[in-house]
């Protein structure tokens, strides 16, 4: 056909971060955990404080005694694209569910008994019956790879401009990097308070 633009919306797959022990038997990705809907034990830890991570935490707070969310950024929902009302409602649900939120933290390793994480230069251990991975999604790039030679290249400058113009509720975006590797587009940036 003679098209001006082609939009590829072929779905996505969960990102599994390269954390030692991520293949442990207590680890499950958030999509699978939510689809199964089964209780995962008394103590549940969710890695990732985006929408899916917080929704998973709220869901499992109904059956677990303790639920923790560990987020690398300084606050949860930093990358979520939704209305302020949804943001506030989800934050209230997390608070009202008694979920423990740990921000500015990096998970170091996962074991059969829980995980260790680092925050402010200190390392902490956290026991868990289940660790849910909610570290985001990457696009399913198979169709894009098949079309690679048949369509114009990805417009990096347009994507960067879109991100720079996006309102992150008082946050300033710096050092934007958009790269393509193995058919996947990676976005990274430093986000700071204004």
Protein backbone atom coordinates (compact mmCIF):
# COMPACT_ATOMS: atom_id res chain seq x y z
CA UNK A 1 0.00 0.00 0.00
CA UNK A 2 0.90 3.65 -0.23
CA UNK A 3 0.86 4.77 3.41
CA UNK A 4 2.27 7.91 5.02
CA UNK A 5 2.78 6.19 8.37
CA UNK A 6 2.70 2.67 9.73
CA UNK A 7 1.91 2.13 13.40
CA UNK A 8 3.10 -1.15 14.83
CA UNK A 9 1.09 -2.20 17.86
CA UNK A 10 2.11 -5.84 18.17
CA UNK A 11 1.99 -6.25 21.90
CA UNK A 12 4.78 -6.48 24.42
CA UNK A 13 6.56 -8.82 26.75
CA UNK A 14 7.60 -8.29 30.37
CA UNK A 15 11.13 -7.04 31.00
CA UNK A 16 13.02 -9.41 33.27
CA UNK A 17 15.91 -7.47 34.80
CA UNK A 18 19.31 -9.17 34.98
CA UNK A 19 19.25 -9.68 38.75
CA UNK A 20 21.17 -12.63 40.14
CA UNK A 21 18.61 -15.23 41.22
CA UNK A 22 15.81 -13.91 38.98
CA UNK A 23 15.24 -17.53 37.93
CA UNK A 24 14.50 -18.55 41.54
CA UNK A 25 11.36 -20.61 42.15
CA UNK A 26 9.75 -17.78 44.18
CA UNK A 27 9.92 -15.31 41.24
CA UNK A 28 6.90 -14.72 39.00
CA UNK A 29 6.23 -11.94 36.51
CA UNK A 30 3.38 -9.61 37.39
CA UNK A 31 1.23 -10.42 34.37
CA UNK A 32 1.27 -14.14 35.14
CA UNK A 33 0.68 -13.53 38.85
CA UNK A 34 -2.33 -11.31 38.16
CA UNK A 35 -3.77 -13.65 35.55
CA UNK A 36 -3.45 -16.65 37.88
CA UNK A 37 -4.92 -14.66 40.75
CA UNK A 38 -3.70 -17.18 43.33
CA UNK A 39 -2.41 -16.16 46.74
CA UNK A 40 1.39 -16.14 46.75
CA UNK A 41 2.12 -16.43 50.45
CA UNK A 42 2.23 -14.31 53.57
CA UNK A 43 5.08 -12.01 52.48
CA UNK A 44 5.17 -10.69 48.91
CA UNK A 45 7.72 -8.33 47.37
CA UNK A 46 7.07 -6.52 44.10
CA UNK A 47 10.03 -5.22 42.11
CA UNK A 48 8.82 -2.13 40.25
CA UNK A 49 6.62 0.76 41.31
CA UNK A 50 4.85 1.52 38.06
CA UNK A 51 1.16 0.97 37.43
CA UNK A 52 1.38 -2.79 37.02
CA UNK A 53 3.62 -3.17 40.07
CA UNK A 54 1.32 -1.15 42.30
CA UNK A 55 -1.78 -2.88 41.00
CA UNK A 56 -0.15 -6.25 41.68
CA UNK A 57 0.85 -5.09 45.17
CA UNK A 58 -2.72 -3.99 45.92
CA UNK A 59 -4.12 -7.25 44.61
CA UNK A 60 -1.82 -9.42 46.72
CA UNK A 61 -2.26 -7.20 49.79
CA UNK A 62 -5.73 -8.76 50.01
CA UNK A 63 -4.26 -12.18 50.84
CA UNK A 64 -0.74 -11.50 52.16
CA UNK A 65 0.24 -10.31 55.62
CA UNK A 66 2.97 -8.04 54.27
CA UNK A 67 3.55 -6.55 50.82
CA UNK A 68 6.58 -4.53 49.80
CA UNK A 69 7.23 -2.55 46.62
CA UNK A 70 10.84 -1.80 45.72
CA UNK A 71 11.31 0.98 43.17
CA UNK A 72 14.57 2.32 41.72
CA UNK A 73 13.29 5.84 41.14
CA UNK A 74 12.71 8.33 43.94
CA UNK A 75 8.94 7.84 43.79
CA UNK A 76 6.44 5.34 42.41
CA UNK A 77 4.49 5.98 39.20
CA UNK A 78 7.26 8.17 37.77
CA UNK A 79 6.94 6.67 34.30
CA UNK A 80 3.18 6.07 34.31
CA UNK A 81 1.16 7.82 31.61
CA UNK A 82 -2.24 8.38 33.15
CA UNK A 83 -4.41 11.13 34.61
CA UNK A 84 -3.73 12.77 37.94
CA UNK A 85 -6.98 11.26 39.28
CA UNK A 86 -5.78 7.73 38.49
CA UNK A 87 -2.42 8.53 40.04
CA UNK A 88 -3.97 9.80 43.26
CA UNK A 89 -6.47 6.92 43.44
CA UNK A 90 -3.74 4.29 43.03
CA UNK A 91 -1.52 6.01 45.61
CA UNK A 92 -4.44 6.09 48.06
CA UNK A 93 -5.15 2.40 47.46
CA UNK A 94 -1.49 1.55 48.12
CA UNK A 95 -1.54 3.59 51.33
CA UNK A 96 -4.89 2.20 52.50
CA UNK A 97 -3.73 -1.37 51.76
CA UNK A 98 -0.78 -0.95 54.12
CA UNK A 99 1.79 -1.64 51.41
CA UNK A 100 5.40 -0.84 52.33
CA UNK A 101 6.98 1.24 49.55
CA UNK A 102 10.77 1.47 49.32
CA UNK A 103 12.00 3.98 46.74
CA UNK A 104 15.48 4.93 45.49
CA UNK A 105 16.47 1.30 46.00
CA UNK A 106 18.16 -1.28 43.77
CA UNK A 107 17.56 -5.01 44.08
CA UNK A 108 20.95 -6.75 44.28
CA UNK A 109 19.96 -10.42 44.30
CA UNK A 110 17.08 -12.84 44.79
CA UNK A 111 17.25 -16.16 46.63
CA UNK A 112 14.77 -18.91 47.49
CA UNK A 113 14.04 -17.03 50.75
CA UNK A 114 13.72 -13.43 49.57
CA UNK A 115 15.99 -10.73 48.23
CA UNK A 116 18.61 -8.18 49.08
CA UNK A 117 18.48 -4.56 48.04
CA UNK A 118 20.63 -1.47 48.36
CA UNK A 119 19.40 1.94 49.48
CA UNK A 120 21.50 4.96 50.41
CA UNK A 121 24.69 2.89 50.26
CA UNK A 122 23.42 0.26 52.71
CA UNK A 123 22.40 -3.28 51.90
CA UNK A 124 19.21 -4.81 53.34
CA UNK A 125 17.72 -8.32 53.34
CA UNK A 126 14.01 -8.90 52.93
CA UNK A 127 12.39 -12.32 53.40
CA UNK A 128 9.66 -13.23 50.94
CA UNK A 129 7.43 -16.11 49.95
CA UNK A 130 7.10 -14.59 46.47
CA UNK A 131 8.90 -11.95 44.41
CA UNK A 132 6.86 -10.39 41.63
CA UNK A 133 8.71 -8.78 38.74
CA UNK A 134 6.98 -5.65 37.41
CA UNK A 135 9.92 -3.92 35.73
CA UNK A 136 8.06 -2.76 32.66
CA UNK A 137 7.51 -4.08 29.18
CA UNK A 138 9.35 -4.08 25.89
CA UNK A 139 7.63 -4.18 22.54
CA UNK A 140 7.41 -7.41 20.63
CA UNK A 141 9.77 -6.40 17.83
CA UNK A 142 9.41 -9.40 15.50
CA UNK A 143 7.18 -7.62 12.99
CA UNK A 144 9.32 -4.48 13.13
CA UNK A 145 12.40 -6.57 12.33
CA UNK A 146 10.59 -8.17 9.39
CA UNK A 147 9.64 -4.72 8.06
CA UNK A 148 13.00 -3.08 8.83
CA UNK A 149 14.24 -2.86 5.25
CA UNK A 150 10.81 -2.04 3.84
CA UNK A 151 9.98 1.12 5.83
CA UNK A 152 11.74 4.33 6.87
CA UNK A 153 13.91 4.24 9.97
CA UNK A 154 12.63 5.00 13.45
CA UNK A 155 12.35 8.76 14.03
CA UNK A 156 14.57 9.19 17.13
CA UNK A 157 14.45 12.98 17.07
CA UNK A 158 10.65 13.02 17.07
CA UNK A 159 10.53 10.57 20.00
CA UNK A 160 13.10 12.60 21.95
CA UNK A 161 11.13 15.81 21.36
CA UNK A 162 7.94 14.09 22.56
CA UNK A 163 9.64 13.01 25.80
CA UNK A 164 11.21 16.44 26.36
CA UNK A 165 7.81 18.12 26.00
CA UNK A 166 6.02 15.66 28.30
CA UNK A 167 4.86 16.98 31.68
CA UNK A 168 6.24 14.80 34.48
CA UNK A 169 4.46 16.78 37.21
CA UNK A 170 7.25 19.15 38.19
CA UNK A 171 10.11 16.91 37.10
CA UNK A 172 12.82 17.98 34.66
CA UNK A 173 14.06 15.47 32.12
CA UNK A 174 17.79 15.53 31.31
CA UNK A 175 20.27 13.43 29.38
CA UNK A 176 17.73 11.73 27.15
CA UNK A 177 19.05 8.74 25.28
CA UNK A 178 17.09 6.77 22.71
CA UNK A 179 18.88 3.84 21.13
CA UNK A 180 17.90 0.90 19.02
CA UNK A 181 19.47 -2.49 19.52
CA UNK A 182 18.32 -5.84 18.16
CA UNK A 183 15.06 -4.35 16.92
CA UNK A 184 14.18 -2.89 20.34
CA UNK A 185 14.12 0.82 21.10
CA UNK A 186 15.56 1.70 24.51
CA UNK A 187 14.79 4.97 26.24
CA UNK A 188 16.67 6.33 29.24
CA UNK A 189 16.80 9.70 30.96
CA UNK A 190 17.66 11.36 34.23
CA UNK A 191 14.61 12.85 35.92
CA UNK A 192 15.07 15.55 38.57
CA UNK A 193 12.85 17.87 40.60
CA UNK A 194 12.44 21.37 39.20
